[in-house]
């Protein structure tokens, strides 16, 4: 089985590093090649890394509540860069305040995201779904 490459990082002006390191570690342990961009990552940096590494998916984290704003237009930029169809996954505290997660998920779906995860989702859930998306099972 060929190793799948995943680009991950914390988008926007978010500097929450601990969760990002845990996610990267867990993905690595699950057999993925992880390109961890760290914190305060722009959309363009995610796209450049995905292109440079021929990535199979992009995982976006956000904890400071502005993930929805930071992720707007990412799918279109991926498409323009030649990454049509690359799975986009996002998780964490993606919006400010308490909002119905189904509403948030619908907005991210309309933005072209493959999956999104509410706060408290285990990394195992994400890894299992990522393997399913990438047909690794």
C-alpha atoms as a PDB file:
ATOM      1  CA  UNK A   1       0.000   0.000   0.000  1.00  0.00           C
ATOM      2  CA  UNK A   2       1.379   3.384  -0.951  1.00  0.00           C
ATOM      3  CA  UNK A   3       1.691   6.003   1.730  1.00  0.00           C
ATOM      4  CA  UNK A   4      -0.770   8.865   1.471  1.00  0.00           C
ATOM      5  CA  UNK A   5       0.429  12.419   2.001  1.00  0.00           C
ATOM      6  CA  UNK A   6      -1.594  14.831   4.097  1.00  0.00           C
ATOM      7  CA  UNK A   7      -0.963  18.549   4.536  1.00  0.00           C
ATOM      8  CA  UNK A   8      -2.087  19.850   7.905  1.00  0.00           C
ATOM      9  CA  UNK A   9      -1.874  23.080   9.845  1.00  0.00           C
ATOM     10  CA  UNK A  10      -3.729  25.750  11.756  1.00  0.00           C
ATOM     11  CA  UNK A  11      -5.286  28.306   9.407  1.00  0.00           C
ATOM     12  CA  UNK A  12      -5.369  32.078   9.687  1.00  0.00           C
ATOM     13  CA  UNK A  13      -4.095  34.066  12.647  1.00  0.00           C
ATOM     14  CA  UNK A  14      -4.611  31.090  14.978  1.00  0.00           C
ATOM     15  CA  UNK A  15      -1.548  30.183  17.055  1.00  0.00           C
ATOM     16  CA  UNK A  16      -2.863  27.073  18.857  1.00  0.00           C
ATOM     17  CA  UNK A  17       0.053  24.683  18.455  1.00  0.00           C
ATOM     18  CA  UNK A  18      -0.578  21.789  20.859  1.00  0.00           C
ATOM     19  CA  UNK A  19      -3.567  20.236  19.095  1.00  0.00           C
ATOM     20  CA  UNK A  20      -1.829  20.620  15.749  1.00  0.00           C
ATOM     21  CA  UNK A  21       1.160  18.618  17.000  1.00  0.00           C
ATOM     22  CA  UNK A  22      -1.120  15.893  18.389  1.00  0.00           C
ATOM     23  CA  UNK A  23      -2.980  15.646  15.070  1.00  0.00           C
ATOM     24  CA  UNK A  24       0.273  15.420  13.092  1.00  0.00           C
ATOM     25  CA  UNK A  25       1.638  12.767  15.458  1.00  0.00           C
ATOM     26  CA  UNK A  26      -1.544  10.666  15.260  1.00  0.00           C
ATOM     27  CA  UNK A  27      -1.665  10.892  11.455  1.00  0.00           C
ATOM     28  CA  UNK A  28       1.977   9.848  11.268  1.00  0.00           C
ATOM     29  CA  UNK A  29       1.355   6.930  13.616  1.00  0.00           C
ATOM     30  CA  UNK A  30      -1.592   5.882  11.398  1.00  0.00           C
ATOM     31  CA  UNK A  31       0.782   5.575   8.448  1.00  0.00           C
ATOM     32  CA  UNK A  32       0.315   8.908   6.685  1.00  0.00           C
ATOM     33  CA  UNK A  33       3.165  11.063   5.421  1.00  0.00           C
ATOM     34  CA  UNK A  34       2.426  14.309   7.252  1.00  0.00           C
ATOM     35  CA  UNK A  35       3.405  17.748   6.015  1.00  0.00           C
ATOM     36  CA  UNK A  36       2.721  19.847   9.110  1.00  0.00           C
ATOM     37  CA  UNK A  37       2.777  23.551   8.298  1.00  0.00           C
ATOM     38  CA  UNK A  38       2.366  24.557  11.933  1.00  0.00           C
ATOM     39  CA  UNK A  39       0.302  27.548  13.015  1.00  0.00           C
ATOM     40  CA  UNK A  40      -0.860  30.780  11.398  1.00  0.00           C
ATOM     41  CA  UNK A  41      -0.973  29.176   7.940  1.00  0.00           C
ATOM     42  CA  UNK A  42      -2.472  30.987   4.954  1.00  0.00           C
ATOM     43  CA  UNK A  43      -4.651  29.327   2.336  1.00  0.00           C
ATOM     44  CA  UNK A  44      -1.859  29.836  -0.170  1.00  0.00           C
ATOM     45  CA  UNK A  45       0.633  28.003   2.064  1.00  0.00           C
ATOM     46  CA  UNK A  46      -1.717  25.000   2.301  1.00  0.00           C
ATOM     47  CA  UNK A  47      -2.079  24.976  -1.495  1.00  0.00           C
ATOM     48  CA  UNK A  48       1.648  25.426  -2.191  1.00  0.00           C
ATOM     49  CA  UNK A  49       2.511  22.557   0.183  1.00  0.00           C
ATOM     50  CA  UNK A  50      -0.151  20.315  -1.359  1.00  0.00           C
ATOM     51  CA  UNK A  51       1.210  21.005  -4.845  1.00  0.00           C
ATOM     52  CA  UNK A  52       4.865  20.561  -3.824  1.00  0.00           C
ATOM     53  CA  UNK A  53       4.234  17.247  -2.074  1.00  0.00           C
ATOM     54  CA  UNK A  54       1.520  15.894  -4.403  1.00  0.00           C
ATOM     55  CA  UNK A  55      -0.703  15.652  -1.320  1.00  0.00           C
ATOM     56  CA  UNK A  56      -3.753  13.424  -1.158  1.00  0.00           C
ATOM     57  CA  UNK A  57      -5.694  15.634   1.286  1.00  0.00           C
ATOM     58  CA  UNK A  58      -5.602  18.910   3.216  1.00  0.00           C
ATOM     59  CA  UNK A  59      -6.582  18.996   6.892  1.00  0.00           C
ATOM     60  CA  UNK A  60      -7.312  22.433   8.327  1.00  0.00           C
ATOM     61  CA  UNK A  61      -7.491  23.084  12.064  1.00  0.00           C
ATOM     62  CA  UNK A  62      -8.803  26.150  13.809  1.00  0.00           C
ATOM     63  CA  UNK A  63      -9.345  26.821  17.478  1.00  0.00           C
ATOM     64  CA  UNK A  64      -9.841  30.540  17.780  1.00  0.00           C
ATOM     65  CA  UNK A  65     -13.309  30.627  16.242  1.00  0.00           C
ATOM     66  CA  UNK A  66     -12.565  32.248  12.892  1.00  0.00           C
ATOM     67  CA  UNK A  67     -12.052  29.061  10.874  1.00  0.00           C
ATOM     68  CA  UNK A  68     -15.157  29.597   8.794  1.00  0.00           C
ATOM     69  CA  UNK A  69     -13.955  33.020   7.681  1.00  0.00           C
ATOM     70  CA  UNK A  70     -10.392  31.758   7.154  1.00  0.00           C
ATOM     71  CA  UNK A  71     -11.598  28.840   5.000  1.00  0.00           C
ATOM     72  CA  UNK A  72     -13.824  30.851   2.639  1.00  0.00           C
ATOM     73  CA  UNK A  73     -12.602  30.495  -0.934  1.00  0.00           C
ATOM     74  CA  UNK A  74     -10.143  27.681  -0.207  1.00  0.00           C
ATOM     75  CA  UNK A  75     -11.875  25.190  -2.525  1.00  0.00           C
ATOM     76  CA  UNK A  76     -11.892  27.700  -5.388  1.00  0.00           C
ATOM     77  CA  UNK A  77      -8.207  28.486  -4.862  1.00  0.00           C
ATOM     78  CA  UNK A  78      -7.416  24.751  -4.799  1.00  0.00           C
ATOM     79  CA  UNK A  79      -9.300  24.276  -8.067  1.00  0.00           C
ATOM     80  CA  UNK A  80      -7.511  27.219  -9.695  1.00  0.00           C
ATOM     81  CA  UNK A  81      -4.154  25.750  -8.623  1.00  0.00           C
ATOM     82  CA  UNK A  82      -4.948  22.376 -10.199  1.00  0.00           C
ATOM     83  CA  UNK A  83      -6.044  20.614  -7.010  1.00  0.00           C
ATOM     84  CA  UNK A  84      -9.608  19.920  -8.160  1.00  0.00           C
ATOM     85  CA  UNK A  85     -11.240  17.325  -5.962  1.00  0.00           C
ATOM     86  CA  UNK A  86      -8.543  17.196  -3.287  1.00  0.00           C
ATOM     87  CA  UNK A  87     -10.308  16.278  -0.043  1.00  0.00           C
ATOM     88  CA  UNK A  88     -10.583  19.239   2.328  1.00  0.00           C
ATOM     89  CA  UNK A  89     -11.225  18.436   5.983  1.00  0.00           C
ATOM     90  CA  UNK A  90     -11.609  20.978   8.783  1.00  0.00           C
ATOM     91  CA  UNK A  91     -12.081  20.683  12.496  1.00  0.00           C
ATOM     92  CA  UNK A  92     -11.935  22.460  15.821  1.00  0.00           C
ATOM     93  CA  UNK A  93     -13.710  25.581  17.001  1.00  0.00           C
ATOM     94  CA  UNK A  94     -14.582  26.757  13.517  1.00  0.00           C
ATOM     95  CA  UNK A  95     -17.072  29.474  14.464  1.00  0.00           C
ATOM     96  CA  UNK A  96     -17.515  32.066  17.173  1.00  0.00           C
ATOM     97  CA  UNK A  97     -19.996  31.254  19.919  1.00  0.00           C
ATOM     98  CA  UNK A  98     -22.397  28.373  20.259  1.00  0.00           C
ATOM     99  CA  UNK A  99     -23.927  27.567  16.885  1.00  0.00           C
ATOM    100  CA  UNK A 100     -25.852  24.547  15.718  1.00  0.00           C
ATOM    101  CA  UNK A 101     -23.179  22.269  14.246  1.00  0.00           C
ATOM    102  CA  UNK A 102     -25.470  21.039  11.465  1.00  0.00           C
ATOM    103  CA  UNK A 103     -25.783  24.651  10.259  1.00  0.00           C
ATOM    104  CA  UNK A 104     -22.004  25.089  10.387  1.00  0.00           C
ATOM    105  CA  UNK A 105     -21.519  21.794   8.521  1.00  0.00           C
ATOM    106  CA  UNK A 106     -23.939  22.913   5.822  1.00  0.00           C
ATOM    107  CA  UNK A 107     -22.026  26.170   5.319  1.00  0.00           C
ATOM    108  CA  UNK A 108     -18.719  24.287   5.016  1.00  0.00           C
ATOM    109  CA  UNK A 109     -20.343  21.828   2.616  1.00  0.00           C
ATOM    110  CA  UNK A 110     -21.395  24.765   0.443  1.00  0.00           C
ATOM    111  CA  UNK A 111     -17.770  25.991   0.602  1.00  0.00           C
ATOM    112  CA  UNK A 112     -16.662  22.674  -0.904  1.00  0.00           C
ATOM    113  CA  UNK A 113     -15.285  20.925   2.171  1.00  0.00           C
ATOM    114  CA  UNK A 114     -15.336  17.126   2.154  1.00  0.00           C
ATOM    115  CA  UNK A 115     -15.798  16.734   5.922  1.00  0.00           C
ATOM    116  CA  UNK A 116     -15.849  18.973   8.950  1.00  0.00           C
ATOM    117  CA  UNK A 117     -15.623  18.049  12.579  1.00  0.00           C
ATOM    118  CA  UNK A 118     -17.052  19.712  15.680  1.00  0.00           C
ATOM    119  CA  UNK A 119     -14.982  20.473  18.762  1.00  0.00           C
ATOM    120  CA  UNK A 120     -14.174  17.324  20.713  1.00  0.00           C
ATOM    121  CA  UNK A 121     -14.050  14.979  17.722  1.00  0.00           C
ATOM    122  CA  UNK A 122     -11.385  12.345  18.301  1.00  0.00           C
ATOM    123  CA  UNK A 123      -8.484  12.191  15.883  1.00  0.00           C
ATOM    124  CA  UNK A 124      -9.310   8.486  15.424  1.00  0.00           C
ATOM    125  CA  UNK A 125     -12.651   9.477  13.890  1.00  0.00           C
ATOM    126  CA  UNK A 126     -10.902  11.807  11.474  1.00  0.00           C
ATOM    127  CA  UNK A 127      -8.272   9.196  10.578  1.00  0.00           C
ATOM    128  CA  UNK A 128     -10.926   6.522   9.963  1.00  0.00           C
ATOM    129  CA  UNK A 129     -12.915   8.856   7.715  1.00  0.00           C
ATOM    130  CA  UNK A 130      -9.774  10.052   5.920  1.00  0.00           C
ATOM    131  CA  UNK A 131      -8.833   6.430   5.166  1.00  0.00           C
ATOM    132  CA  UNK A 132     -12.365   5.895   3.847  1.00  0.00           C
ATOM    133  CA  UNK A 133     -12.217   9.030   1.663  1.00  0.00           C
ATOM    134  CA  UNK A 134      -8.837   7.988   0.275  1.00  0.00           C
ATOM    135  CA  UNK A 135     -10.016   4.365  -0.178  1.00  0.00           C
ATOM    136  CA  UNK A 136      -7.315   2.966   2.079  1.00  0.00           C
ATOM    137  CA  UNK A 137      -9.503   0.393   3.859  1.00  0.00           C
END
